Amino acid sequence: MTTSSTAPARAPRATNPRAAARRRPGTSRVSRTFYWMVLPAVLLFFVLHTIPVLNGIFFSMTNYAGYGEWDFTWFANYVNLFKDDQVLNAYAFTFGFALVSTILVNVISLAIALGLNSRIKFKTGLRGIFFIPNILSILVIGYVFNYLFSNSLPEIASGLGIDALSTSILANPDLAWVGIVILAVWQAAAFNIIIYLAGLQTIPGELYEAASLDGASVWRTFRSITFPLIGPFFTINMVLSLKNFLQVFDHIMALTAGGPGTSTQSVSLLIYRGGFQGGEYAYQTANAVIFLVVIVLISVFQLRVLQRREASF
């Protein structure tokens, strides 16, 4: 008969739950240095962003004209905005302009980025040239385009016998928006090209070699490899483009100043004119609050839809 002797199991030592939590993997105590580094940015954001927003929301519920005395009107400004034809027309123009410009700038940028990512000569130099519009002032370039649309284009069109373009399109209420779209797309394409180029360079070359060996066409390769793999970059460009175009201001000031009449008046231009020049500070502040909420909701919706689209590839 054999006996086996084993040492009695040692009872676990009582530990402090707080100390155990500190030693839990993945959790570590945040250094005070981190807070001291973040604190200035938080304070600046609160002073320069949060306080002005809260101040705007406060005055949007008054009849303040930008000077003198004021009284509370609560939500009267918000209700009146939905009955104001000038405001509704500005929203219609802004959303139409932003939608057309967003689609055009992403199609053109992606096409140029694909060309600049291919095996062509002077690729590096061309990338620099295509980025130049992004570093130029919109107002300066806007005045150049204003001259082209008002003088050069009518002369060329007259010489070719195109009557519809023989006068400045900026003076035509039905065509003035086209000039603004051309300027906006030309200036914004540079940034989008850079984003798409960054995405294209993350795609492994082996995938294209395998597709070539399988006999895939150019369109099939783009649809099955290129576009799915640059999905996150497409999402970034779509969201940023739409947000920026919804806030269009400089392009309009340089080309039409909102005219002819109010045919190219955007929401941002209406807020600026009414709030700072028209004695409608509180009214246009309410307009700005609504516009802020609209842009945030659209951006969140756009992100959710496009990210779900990325997951389906």
C-alpha atoms as a PDB file:
ATOM      1  CA  MET A   1       0.000   0.000   0.000  1.00  0.00           C
ATOM      2  CA  THR A   2       1.375   3.282  -0.957  1.00  0.00           C
ATOM      3  CA  THR A   3       0.540   6.557   0.526  1.00  0.00           C
ATOM      4  CA  SER A   4       0.963   9.896  -1.015  1.00  0.00           C
ATOM      5  CA  SER A   5       1.570  13.011   0.938  1.00  0.00           C
ATOM      6  CA  THR A   6       0.851  16.383  -0.483  1.00  0.00           C
ATOM      7  CA  ALA A   7       1.454  19.760   0.996  1.00  0.00           C
ATOM      8  CA  PRO A   8      -1.692  21.486   2.146  1.00  0.00           C
ATOM      9  CA  ALA A   9      -2.927  24.103  -0.222  1.00  0.00           C
ATOM     10  CA  ARG A  10      -2.129  27.574   0.916  1.00  0.00           C
ATOM     11  CA  ALA A  11      -5.072  29.810   1.433  1.00  0.00           C
ATOM     12  CA  PRO A  12      -5.087  32.788  -0.895  1.00  0.00           C
ATOM     13  CA  ARG A  13      -3.933  35.951   0.681  1.00  0.00           C
ATOM     14  CA  ALA A  14      -6.504  38.579   1.201  1.00  0.00           C
ATOM     15  CA  THR A  15      -5.870  41.404  -1.216  1.00  0.00           C
ATOM     16  CA  ASN A  16      -7.094  44.904  -1.366  1.00  0.00           C
ATOM     17  CA  PRO A  17      -9.694  45.099  -4.184  1.00  0.00           C
ATOM     18  CA  ARG A  18      -8.542  48.600  -5.118  1.00  0.00           C
ATOM     19  CA  ALA A  19      -4.937  47.450  -5.329  1.00  0.00           C
ATOM     20  CA  ALA A  20      -5.973  44.443  -7.451  1.00  0.00           C
ATOM     21  CA  ALA A  21      -7.866  46.710  -9.802  1.00  0.00           C
ATOM     22  CA  ARG A  22      -4.764  48.832 -10.240  1.00  0.00           C
ATOM     23  CA  ARG A  23      -2.777  45.723 -11.217  1.00  0.00           C
ATOM     24  CA  ARG A  24      -5.421  44.431 -13.656  1.00  0.00           C
ATOM     25  CA  PRO A  25      -3.993  43.928 -17.146  1.00  0.00           C
ATOM     26  CA  GLY A  26      -4.919  46.692 -19.516  1.00  0.00           C
ATOM     27  CA  THR A  27      -5.525  49.188 -16.774  1.00  0.00           C
ATOM     28  CA  SER A  28      -2.902  51.594 -15.628  1.00  0.00           C
ATOM     29  CA  ARG A  29      -2.904  54.765 -13.672  1.00  0.00           C
ATOM     30  CA  VAL A  30      -2.960  57.831 -15.870  1.00  0.00           C
ATOM     31  CA  SER A  31      -0.046  60.090 -15.223  1.00  0.00           C
ATOM     32  CA  ARG A  32      -0.695  63.622 -14.023  1.00  0.00           C
ATOM     33  CA  THR A  33       1.444  64.808 -16.893  1.00  0.00           C
ATOM     34  CA  PHE A  34      -1.285  63.677 -19.256  1.00  0.00           C
ATOM     35  CA  TYR A  35      -3.843  65.908 -17.536  1.00  0.00           C
ATOM     36  CA  TRP A  36      -1.489  68.901 -17.547  1.00  0.00           C
ATOM     37  CA  MET A  37      -0.899  68.421 -21.277  1.00  0.00           C
ATOM     38  CA  VAL A  38      -4.615  68.132 -22.094  1.00  0.00           C
ATOM     39  CA  LEU A  39      -5.872  70.867 -19.781  1.00  0.00           C
ATOM     40  CA  PRO A  40      -4.755  73.883 -21.915  1.00  0.00           C
ATOM     41  CA  ALA A  41      -6.466  72.462 -25.010  1.00  0.00           C
ATOM     42  CA  VAL A  42      -9.657  71.793 -23.054  1.00  0.00           C
ATOM     43  CA  LEU A  43      -9.661  75.315 -21.629  1.00  0.00           C
ATOM     44  CA  LEU A  44      -9.061  76.891 -25.035  1.00  0.00           C
ATOM     45  CA  PHE A  45     -11.833  74.798 -26.572  1.00  0.00           C
ATOM     46  CA  PHE A  46     -14.211  75.782 -23.786  1.00  0.00           C
ATOM     47  CA  VAL A  47     -13.396  79.505 -24.017  1.00  0.00           C
ATOM     48  CA  LEU A  48     -13.237  79.819 -27.805  1.00  0.00           C
ATOM     49  CA  HIS A  49     -15.919  77.316 -28.796  1.00  0.00           C
ATOM     50  CA  THR A  50     -18.255  76.245 -26.016  1.00  0.00           C
ATOM     51  CA  ILE A  51     -18.873  79.684 -24.498  1.00  0.00           C
ATOM     52  CA  PRO A  52     -19.631  81.338 -27.892  1.00  0.00           C
ATOM     53  CA  VAL A  53     -22.026  78.507 -28.755  1.00  0.00           C
ATOM     54  CA  LEU A  54     -23.851  78.832 -25.440  1.00  0.00           C
ATOM     55  CA  ASN A  55     -23.881  82.620 -25.849  1.00  0.00           C
ATOM     56  CA  GLY A  56     -25.395  82.233 -29.322  1.00  0.00           C
ATOM     57  CA  ILE A  57     -28.076  79.846 -28.097  1.00  0.00           C
ATOM     58  CA  PHE A  58     -28.926  82.328 -25.337  1.00  0.00           C
ATOM     59  CA  PHE A  59     -29.329  85.316 -27.660  1.00  0.00           C
ATOM     60  CA  SER A  60     -31.223  83.244 -30.222  1.00  0.00           C
ATOM     61  CA  MET A  61     -34.136  83.324 -27.774  1.00  0.00           C
ATOM     62  CA  THR A  62     -34.190  87.131 -27.617  1.00  0.00           C
ATOM     63  CA  ASN A  63     -34.945  90.041 -29.954  1.00  0.00           C
ATOM     64  CA  TYR A  64     -31.404  91.449 -29.664  1.00  0.00           C
ATOM     65  CA  ALA A  65     -30.418  93.441 -32.766  1.00  0.00           C
ATOM     66  CA  GLY A  66     -26.722  93.521 -31.954  1.00  0.00           C
ATOM     67  CA  TYR A  67     -26.996  96.752 -29.993  1.00  0.00           C
ATOM     68  CA  GLY A  68     -29.316  98.373 -27.459  1.00  0.00           C
ATOM     69  CA  GLU A  69     -31.834  96.683 -25.190  1.00  0.00           C
ATOM     70  CA  TRP A  70     -33.419  93.328 -25.691  1.00  0.00           C
ATOM     71  CA  ASP A  71     -36.179  91.091 -24.349  1.00  0.00           C
ATOM     72  CA  PHE A  72     -36.772  87.375 -24.321  1.00  0.00           C
ATOM     73  CA  THR A  73     -38.854  86.018 -27.198  1.00  0.00           C
ATOM     74  CA  TRP A  74     -38.029  82.364 -26.397  1.00  0.00           C
ATOM     75  CA  PHE A  75     -38.687  80.235 -29.485  1.00  0.00           C
ATOM     76  CA  ALA A  76     -40.318  82.881 -31.689  1.00  0.00           C
ATOM     77  CA  ASN A  77     -37.189  83.256 -33.852  1.00  0.00           C
ATOM     78  CA  TYR A  78     -37.077  79.520 -34.496  1.00  0.00           C
ATOM     79  CA  VAL A  79     -40.739  79.405 -35.495  1.00  0.00           C
ATOM     80  CA  ASN A  80     -40.415  82.420 -37.802  1.00  0.00           C
ATOM     81  CA  LEU A  81     -37.428  80.893 -39.592  1.00  0.00           C
ATOM     82  CA  PHE A  82     -39.621  78.141 -41.016  1.00  0.00           C
ATOM     83  CA  LYS A  83     -42.022  80.780 -42.418  1.00  0.00           C
ATOM     84  CA  ASP A  84     -39.319  82.945 -44.020  1.00  0.00           C
ATOM     85  CA  ASP A  85     -39.074  82.401 -47.797  1.00  0.00           C
ATOM     86  CA  GLN A  86     -35.614  83.997 -47.918  1.00  0.00           C
ATOM     87  CA  VAL A  87     -34.299  81.487 -45.374  1.00  0.00           C
ATOM     88  CA  LEU A  88     -35.929  78.523 -47.113  1.00  0.00           C
ATOM     89  CA  ASN A  89     -34.515  79.607 -50.491  1.00  0.00           C
ATOM     90  CA  ALA A  90     -31.049  79.920 -48.955  1.00  0.00           C
ATOM     91  CA  TYR A  91     -31.285  76.381 -47.568  1.00  0.00           C
ATOM     92  CA  ALA A  92     -32.503  75.043 -50.930  1.00  0.00           C
ATOM     93  CA  PHE A  93     -29.619  76.693 -52.798  1.00  0.00           C
ATOM     94  CA  THR A  94     -27.042  75.584 -50.224  1.00  0.00           C
ATOM     95  CA  PHE A  95     -28.093  71.936 -50.213  1.00  0.00           C
ATOM     96  CA  GLY A  96     -28.363  71.780 -54.008  1.00  0.00           C
ATOM     97  CA  PHE A  97     -24.946  73.353 -54.419  1.00  0.00           C
ATOM     98  CA  ALA A  98     -23.373  71.097 -51.757  1.00  0.00           C
ATOM     99  CA  LEU A  99     -24.842  67.920 -53.235  1.00  0.00           C
ATOM    100  CA  VAL A 100     -23.712  68.642 -56.801  1.00  0.00           C
ATOM    101  CA  SER A 101     -20.262  69.833 -55.708  1.00  0.00           C
ATOM    102  CA  THR A 102     -19.690  66.842 -53.401  1.00  0.00           C
ATOM    103  CA  ILE A 103     -20.444  64.340 -56.156  1.00  0.00           C
ATOM    104  CA  LEU A 104     -18.371  66.159 -58.775  1.00  0.00           C
ATOM    105  CA  VAL A 105     -15.342  66.750 -56.585  1.00  0.00           C
ATOM    106  CA  ASN A 106     -15.151  63.121 -55.477  1.00  0.00           C
ATOM    107  CA  VAL A 107     -15.581  61.701 -58.993  1.00  0.00           C
ATOM    108  CA  ILE A 108     -12.970  64.056 -60.458  1.00  0.00           C
ATOM    109  CA  SER A 109     -10.550  63.652 -57.546  1.00  0.00           C
ATOM    110  CA  LEU A 110     -10.713  59.865 -57.630  1.00  0.00           C
ATOM    111  CA  ALA A 111     -10.132  59.815 -61.396  1.00  0.00           C
ATOM    112  CA  ILE A 112      -7.103  62.117 -61.104  1.00  0.00           C
ATOM    113  CA  ALA A 113      -5.741  60.168 -58.128  1.00  0.00           C
ATOM    114  CA  LEU A 114      -5.964  56.917 -60.089  1.00  0.00           C
ATOM    115  CA  GLY A 115      -4.022  58.550 -62.909  1.00  0.00           C
ATOM    116  CA  LEU A 116      -1.381  59.961 -60.563  1.00  0.00           C
ATOM    117  CA  ASN A 117      -1.011  56.568 -58.874  1.00  0.00           C
ATOM    118  CA  SER A 118      -0.312  54.766 -62.146  1.00  0.00           C
ATOM    119  CA  ARG A 119       3.100  54.298 -63.750  1.00  0.00           C
ATOM    120  CA  ILE A 120       3.469  57.607 -65.547  1.00  0.00           C
ATOM    121  CA  LYS A 121       6.368  59.981 -66.028  1.00  0.00           C
ATOM    122  CA  PHE A 122       6.759  63.111 -63.875  1.00  0.00           C
ATOM    123  CA  LYS A 123       4.373  61.608 -61.319  1.00  0.00           C
ATOM    124  CA  THR A 124       5.887  63.455 -58.363  1.00  0.00           C
ATOM    125  CA  GLY A 125       5.885  66.802 -60.151  1.00  0.00           C
ATOM    126  CA  LEU A 126       2.290  66.386 -61.292  1.00  0.00           C
ATOM    127  CA  ARG A 127       1.188  65.603 -57.747  1.00  0.00           C
ATOM    128  CA  GLY A 128       2.689  68.890 -56.611  1.00  0.00           C
ATOM    129  CA  ILE A 129       1.004  70.809 -59.426  1.00  0.00           C
ATOM    130  CA  PHE A 130      -2.402  69.331 -58.666  1.00  0.00           C
ATOM    131  CA  PHE A 131      -2.052  70.334 -55.001  1.00  0.00           C
ATOM    132  CA  ILE A 132      -1.429  74.031 -55.766  1.00  0.00           C
ATOM    133  CA  PRO A 133      -5.140  75.091 -55.733  1.00  0.00           C
ATOM    134  CA  ASN A 134      -5.379  73.977 -52.113  1.00  0.00           C
ATOM    135  CA  ILE A 135      -2.790  76.494 -50.913  1.00  0.00           C
ATOM    136  CA  LEU A 136      -4.196  79.470 -52.805  1.00  0.00           C
ATOM    137  CA  SER A 137      -6.597  81.951 -51.262  1.00  0.00           C
ATOM    138  CA  ILE A 138     -10.181  81.291 -52.345  1.00  0.00           C
ATOM    139  CA  LEU A 139     -10.929  85.007 -52.565  1.00  0.00           C
ATOM    140  CA  VAL A 140      -7.929  85.681 -54.809  1.00  0.00           C
ATOM    141  CA  ILE A 141      -8.705  82.762 -57.104  1.00  0.00           C
ATOM    142  CA  GLY A 142     -12.369  83.721 -56.972  1.00  0.00           C
ATOM    143  CA  TYR A 143     -11.638  87.140 -58.465  1.00  0.00           C
ATOM    144  CA  VAL A 144      -9.577  85.476 -61.202  1.00  0.00           C
ATOM    145  CA  PHE A 145     -12.484  83.177 -62.042  1.00  0.00           C
ATOM    146  CA  ASN A 146     -14.804  86.185 -61.907  1.00  0.00           C
ATOM    147  CA  TYR A 147     -12.767  87.831 -64.657  1.00  0.00           C
ATOM    148  CA  LEU A 148     -12.724  84.640 -66.709  1.00  0.00           C
ATOM    149  CA  PHE A 149     -16.500  84.131 -66.447  1.00  0.00           C
ATOM    150  CA  SER A 150     -17.290  87.808 -67.058  1.00  0.00           C
ATOM    151  CA  ASN A 151     -14.824  88.590 -69.885  1.00  0.00           C
ATOM    152  CA  SER A 152     -12.866  85.693 -71.342  1.00  0.00           C
ATOM    153  CA  LEU A 153     -15.654  83.121 -71.551  1.00  0.00           C
ATOM    154  CA  PRO A 154     -18.193  85.472 -73.238  1.00  0.00           C
ATOM    155  CA  GLU A 155     -15.604  86.500 -75.834  1.00  0.00           C
ATOM    156  CA  ILE A 156     -14.722  82.885 -76.626  1.00  0.00           C
ATOM    157  CA  ALA A 157     -18.398  81.892 -76.747  1.00  0.00           C
ATOM    158  CA  SER A 158     -19.214  84.831 -79.048  1.00  0.00           C
ATOM    159  CA  GLY A 159     -16.414  83.804 -81.384  1.00  0.00           C
ATOM    160  CA  LEU A 160     -17.757  80.238 -81.482  1.00  0.00           C
ATOM    161  CA  GLY A 161     -21.331  81.396 -81.988  1.00  0.00           C
ATOM    162  CA  ILE A 162     -22.632  80.058 -78.630  1.00  0.00           C
ATOM    163  CA  ASP A 163     -25.274  82.632 -77.740  1.00  0.00           C
ATOM    164  CA  ALA A 164     -26.122  81.113 -74.353  1.00  0.00           C
ATOM    165  CA  LEU A 165     -22.603  81.906 -73.064  1.00  0.00           C
ATOM    166  CA  SER A 166     -22.049  85.189 -74.913  1.00  0.00           C
ATOM    167  CA  THR A 167     -22.836  87.080 -71.701  1.00  0.00           C
ATOM    168  CA  SER A 168     -21.448  86.502 -68.213  1.00  0.00           C
ATOM    169  CA  ILE A 169     -22.969  83.446 -66.570  1.00  0.00           C
ATOM    170  CA  LEU A 170     -22.536  85.208 -63.221  1.00  0.00           C
ATOM    171  CA  ALA A 171     -25.182  87.750 -64.309  1.00  0.00           C
ATOM    172  CA  ASN A 172     -27.646  85.012 -65.213  1.00  0.00           C
ATOM    173  CA  PRO A 173     -29.831  83.878 -62.257  1.00  0.00           C
ATOM    174  CA  ASP A 174     -30.166  80.409 -63.809  1.00  0.00           C
ATOM    175  CA  LEU A 175     -26.441  79.859 -64.507  1.00  0.00           C
ATOM    176  CA  ALA A 176     -24.627  81.774 -61.772  1.00  0.00           C
ATOM    177  CA  TRP A 177     -24.551  78.704 -59.508  1.00  0.00           C
ATOM    178  CA  VAL A 178     -22.620  76.810 -62.199  1.00  0.00           C
ATOM    179  CA  GLY A 179     -19.710  79.236 -61.918  1.00  0.00           C
ATOM    180  CA  ILE A 180     -19.650  78.807 -58.147  1.00  0.00           C
ATOM    181  CA  VAL A 181     -19.651  75.009 -58.504  1.00  0.00           C
ATOM    182  CA  ILE A 182     -16.740  75.145 -60.977  1.00  0.00           C
ATOM    183  CA  LEU A 183     -14.636  77.279 -58.640  1.00  0.00           C
ATOM    184  CA  ALA A 184     -15.502  75.192 -55.564  1.00  0.00           C
ATOM    185  CA  VAL A 185     -14.741  71.870 -57.240  1.00  0.00           C
ATOM    186  CA  TRP A 186     -11.501  73.162 -58.777  1.00  0.00           C
ATOM    187  CA  GLN A 187     -10.247  74.429 -55.421  1.00  0.00           C
ATOM    188  CA  ALA A 188     -11.423  71.472 -53.292  1.00  0.00           C
ATOM    189  CA  ALA A 189     -10.244  68.699 -55.599  1.00  0.00           C
ATOM    190  CA  ALA A 190      -6.608  69.121 -54.538  1.00  0.00           C
ATOM    191  CA  PHE A 191      -7.207  68.029 -50.942  1.00  0.00           C
ATOM    192  CA  ASN A 192      -9.405  65.105 -51.992  1.00  0.00           C
ATOM    193  CA  ILE A 193      -6.751  63.919 -54.465  1.00  0.00           C
ATOM    194  CA  ILE A 194      -4.200  63.727 -51.665  1.00  0.00           C
ATOM    195  CA  ILE A 195      -6.573  61.673 -49.499  1.00  0.00           C
ATOM    196  CA  TYR A 196      -7.364  59.277 -52.340  1.00  0.00           C
ATOM    197  CA  LEU A 197      -3.665  58.944 -53.217  1.00  0.00           C
ATOM    198  CA  ALA A 198      -2.922  58.002 -49.612  1.00  0.00           C
ATOM    199  CA  GLY A 199      -5.625  55.334 -49.805  1.00  0.00           C
ATOM    200  CA  LEU A 200      -4.442  53.938 -53.139  1.00  0.00           C
ATOM    201  CA  GLN A 201      -0.901  53.518 -51.842  1.00  0.00           C
ATOM    202  CA  THR A 202      -2.130  51.236 -49.042  1.00  0.00           C
ATOM    203  CA  ILE A 203      -3.348  48.610 -51.530  1.00  0.00           C
ATOM    204  CA  PRO A 204      -0.828  45.741 -51.920  1.00  0.00           C
ATOM    205  CA  GLY A 205       0.478  45.359 -55.463  1.00  0.00           C
ATOM    206  CA  GLU A 206       0.095  41.562 -55.204  1.00  0.00           C
ATOM    207  CA  LEU A 207      -3.677  41.955 -55.446  1.00  0.00           C
ATOM    208  CA  TYR A 208      -3.401  43.690 -58.808  1.00  0.00           C
ATOM    209  CA  GLU A 209      -0.941  41.031 -60.025  1.00  0.00           C
ATOM    210  CA  ALA A 210      -3.353  38.250 -59.032  1.00  0.00           C
ATOM    211  CA  ALA A 211      -6.229  40.066 -60.748  1.00  0.00           C
ATOM    212  CA  SER A 212      -4.137  40.468 -63.879  1.00  0.00           C
ATOM    213  CA  LEU A 213      -3.288  36.746 -63.909  1.00  0.00           C
ATOM    214  CA  ASP A 214      -6.992  35.930 -63.558  1.00  0.00           C
ATOM    215  CA  GLY A 215      -7.725  38.101 -66.586  1.00  0.00           C
ATOM    216  CA  ALA A 216      -9.808  40.700 -64.708  1.00  0.00           C
ATOM    217  CA  SER A 217     -10.696  43.805 -66.701  1.00  0.00           C
ATOM    218  CA  VAL A 218      -9.778  47.306 -65.550  1.00  0.00           C
ATOM    219  CA  TRP A 219     -13.330  48.029 -64.436  1.00  0.00           C
ATOM    220  CA  ARG A 220     -13.589  44.674 -62.626  1.00  0.00           C
ATOM    221  CA  THR A 221     -10.301  45.361 -60.828  1.00  0.00           C
ATOM    222  CA  PHE A 222     -11.486  48.812 -59.778  1.00  0.00           C
ATOM    223  CA  ARG A 223     -14.891  47.566 -58.611  1.00  0.00           C
ATOM    224  CA  SER A 224     -13.641  44.490 -56.727  1.00  0.00           C
ATOM    225  CA  ILE A 225     -10.262  45.618 -55.381  1.00  0.00           C
ATOM    226  CA  THR A 226      -9.542  49.321 -55.584  1.00  0.00           C
ATOM    227  CA  PHE A 227     -12.808  50.889 -54.493  1.00  0.00           C
ATOM    228  CA  PRO A 228     -13.550  48.484 -51.583  1.00  0.00           C
ATOM    229  CA  LEU A 229     -10.043  48.932 -50.170  1.00  0.00           C
ATOM    230  CA  ILE A 230     -10.189  52.728 -50.265  1.00  0.00           C
ATOM    231  CA  GLY A 231     -13.650  52.732 -48.674  1.00  0.00           C
ATOM    232  CA  PRO A 232     -12.546  54.526 -45.456  1.00  0.00           C
ATOM    233  CA  PHE A 233     -10.832  57.244 -47.514  1.00  0.00           C
ATOM    234  CA  PHE A 234     -13.962  57.627 -49.632  1.00  0.00           C
ATOM    235  CA  THR A 235     -16.004  58.070 -46.443  1.00  0.00           C
ATOM    236  CA  ILE A 236     -13.649  60.770 -45.153  1.00  0.00           C
ATOM    237  CA  ASN A 237     -13.763  62.671 -48.427  1.00  0.00           C
ATOM    238  CA  MET A 238     -17.542  62.480 -48.735  1.00  0.00           C
ATOM    239  CA  VAL A 239     -18.180  63.678 -45.176  1.00  0.00           C
ATOM    240  CA  LEU A 240     -15.615  66.501 -45.271  1.00  0.00           C
ATOM    241  CA  SER A 241     -16.669  67.629 -48.750  1.00  0.00           C
ATOM    242  CA  LEU A 242     -20.345  67.870 -47.916  1.00  0.00           C
ATOM    243  CA  LYS A 243     -19.654  69.639 -44.622  1.00  0.00           C
ATOM    244  CA  ASN A 244     -17.342  72.179 -46.249  1.00  0.00           C
ATOM    245  CA  PHE A 245     -19.643  72.850 -49.186  1.00  0.00           C
ATOM    246  CA  LEU A 246     -22.620  73.370 -46.868  1.00  0.00           C
ATOM    247  CA  GLN A 247     -20.615  76.197 -45.282  1.00  0.00           C
ATOM    248  CA  VAL A 248     -19.786  77.847 -48.631  1.00  0.00           C
ATOM    249  CA  PHE A 249     -19.113  81.571 -48.236  1.00  0.00           C
ATOM    250  CA  ASP A 250     -15.866  82.842 -49.814  1.00  0.00           C
ATOM    251  CA  HIS A 251     -16.636  81.432 -53.268  1.00  0.00           C
ATOM    252  CA  ILE A 252     -19.946  83.296 -53.396  1.00  0.00           C
ATOM    253  CA  MET A 253     -18.506  86.544 -52.085  1.00  0.00           C
ATOM    254  CA  ALA A 254     -15.807  86.509 -54.778  1.00  0.00           C
ATOM    255  CA  LEU A 255     -18.080  85.602 -57.692  1.00  0.00           C
ATOM    256  CA  THR A 256     -21.635  86.833 -57.174  1.00  0.00           C
ATOM    257  CA  ALA A 257     -21.982  88.236 -53.632  1.00  0.00           C
ATOM    258  CA  GLY A 258     -25.225  86.272 -53.473  1.00  0.00           C
ATOM    259  CA  GLY A 259     -26.687  87.611 -56.711  1.00  0.00           C
ATOM    260  CA  PRO A 260     -28.167  88.167 -59.140  1.00  0.00           C
ATOM    261  CA  GLY A 261     -30.839  89.134 -56.636  1.00  0.00           C
ATOM    262  CA  THR A 262     -30.646  86.394 -54.017  1.00  0.00           C
ATOM    263  CA  SER A 263     -30.333  83.482 -56.450  1.00  0.00           C
ATOM    264  CA  THR A 264     -26.934  82.351 -55.061  1.00  0.00           C
ATOM    265  CA  GLN A 265     -27.351  83.360 -51.439  1.00  0.00           C
ATOM    266  CA  SER A 266     -26.168  80.556 -49.147  1.00  0.00           C
ATOM    267  CA  VAL A 267     -27.137  80.043 -45.525  1.00  0.00           C
ATOM    268  CA  SER A 268     -23.740  81.247 -44.280  1.00  0.00           C
ATOM    269  CA  LEU A 269     -23.978  84.409 -46.380  1.00  0.00           C
ATOM    270  CA  LEU A 270     -27.521  85.059 -45.166  1.00  0.00           C
ATOM    271  CA  ILE A 271     -26.440  84.658 -41.532  1.00  0.00           C
ATOM    272  CA  TYR A 272     -23.515  87.035 -42.051  1.00  0.00           C
ATOM    273  CA  ARG A 273     -25.529  89.712 -43.802  1.00  0.00           C
ATOM    274  CA  GLY A 274     -28.593  89.557 -41.589  1.00  0.00           C
ATOM    275  CA  GLY A 275     -26.690  89.149 -38.355  1.00  0.00           C
ATOM    276  CA  PHE A 276     -23.918  91.708 -38.822  1.00  0.00           C
ATOM    277  CA  GLN A 277     -25.367  94.141 -41.361  1.00  0.00           C
ATOM    278  CA  GLY A 278     -29.131  93.811 -41.143  1.00  0.00           C
ATOM    279  CA  GLY A 279     -29.837  94.222 -37.421  1.00  0.00           C
ATOM    280  CA  GLU A 280     -31.084  90.600 -37.164  1.00  0.00           C
ATOM    281  CA  TYR A 281     -28.485  89.359 -34.716  1.00  0.00           C
ATOM    282  CA  ALA A 282     -30.795  87.205 -32.609  1.00  0.00           C
ATOM    283  CA  TYR A 283     -32.851  86.016 -35.589  1.00  0.00           C
ATOM    284  CA  GLN A 284     -29.827  84.925 -37.604  1.00  0.00           C
ATOM    285  CA  THR A 285     -28.231  83.441 -34.493  1.00  0.00           C
ATOM    286  CA  ALA A 286     -31.255  81.155 -34.261  1.00  0.00           C
ATOM    287  CA  ASN A 287     -30.691  80.369 -37.939  1.00  0.00           C
ATOM    288  CA  ALA A 288     -27.060  79.512 -37.163  1.00  0.00           C
ATOM    289  CA  VAL A 289     -28.084  77.201 -34.316  1.00  0.00           C
ATOM    290  CA  ILE A 290     -30.464  75.311 -36.605  1.00  0.00           C
ATOM    291  CA  PHE A 291     -27.821  75.150 -39.338  1.00  0.00           C
ATOM    292  CA  LEU A 292     -25.298  73.727 -36.845  1.00  0.00           C
ATOM    293  CA  VAL A 293     -27.737  71.012 -35.786  1.00  0.00           C
ATOM    294  CA  VAL A 294     -28.534  70.185 -39.426  1.00  0.00           C
ATOM    295  CA  ILE A 295     -24.850  69.814 -40.356  1.00  0.00           C
ATOM    296  CA  VAL A 296     -24.145  67.609 -37.327  1.00  0.00           C
ATOM    297  CA  LEU A 297     -27.125  65.345 -38.060  1.00  0.00           C
ATOM    298  CA  ILE A 298     -26.196  65.031 -41.740  1.00  0.00           C
ATOM    299  CA  SER A 299     -22.555  64.248 -40.911  1.00  0.00           C
ATOM    300  CA  VAL A 300     -23.523  61.567 -38.383  1.00  0.00           C
ATOM    301  CA  PHE A 301     -26.038  60.042 -40.790  1.00  0.00           C
ATOM    302  CA  GLN A 302     -23.513  60.114 -43.614  1.00  0.00           C
ATOM    303  CA  LEU A 303     -20.845  58.451 -41.464  1.00  0.00           C
ATOM    304  CA  ARG A 304     -23.193  55.673 -40.362  1.00  0.00           C
ATOM    305  CA  VAL A 305     -24.398  54.918 -43.890  1.00  0.00           C
ATOM    306  CA  LEU A 306     -20.958  54.970 -45.481  1.00  0.00           C
ATOM    307  CA  GLN A 307     -19.316  52.950 -42.700  1.00  0.00           C
ATOM    308  CA  ARG A 308     -22.052  50.333 -43.039  1.00  0.00           C
ATOM    309  CA  ARG A 309     -21.347  50.335 -46.754  1.00  0.00           C
ATOM    310  CA  GLU A 310     -17.642  49.716 -46.054  1.00  0.00           C
ATOM    311  CA  ALA A 311     -18.537  46.700 -43.896  1.00  0.00           C
ATOM    312  CA  SER A 312     -20.648  45.185 -46.678  1.00  0.00           C
ATOM    313  CA  PHE A 313     -17.704  45.019 -49.088  1.00  0.00           C
END
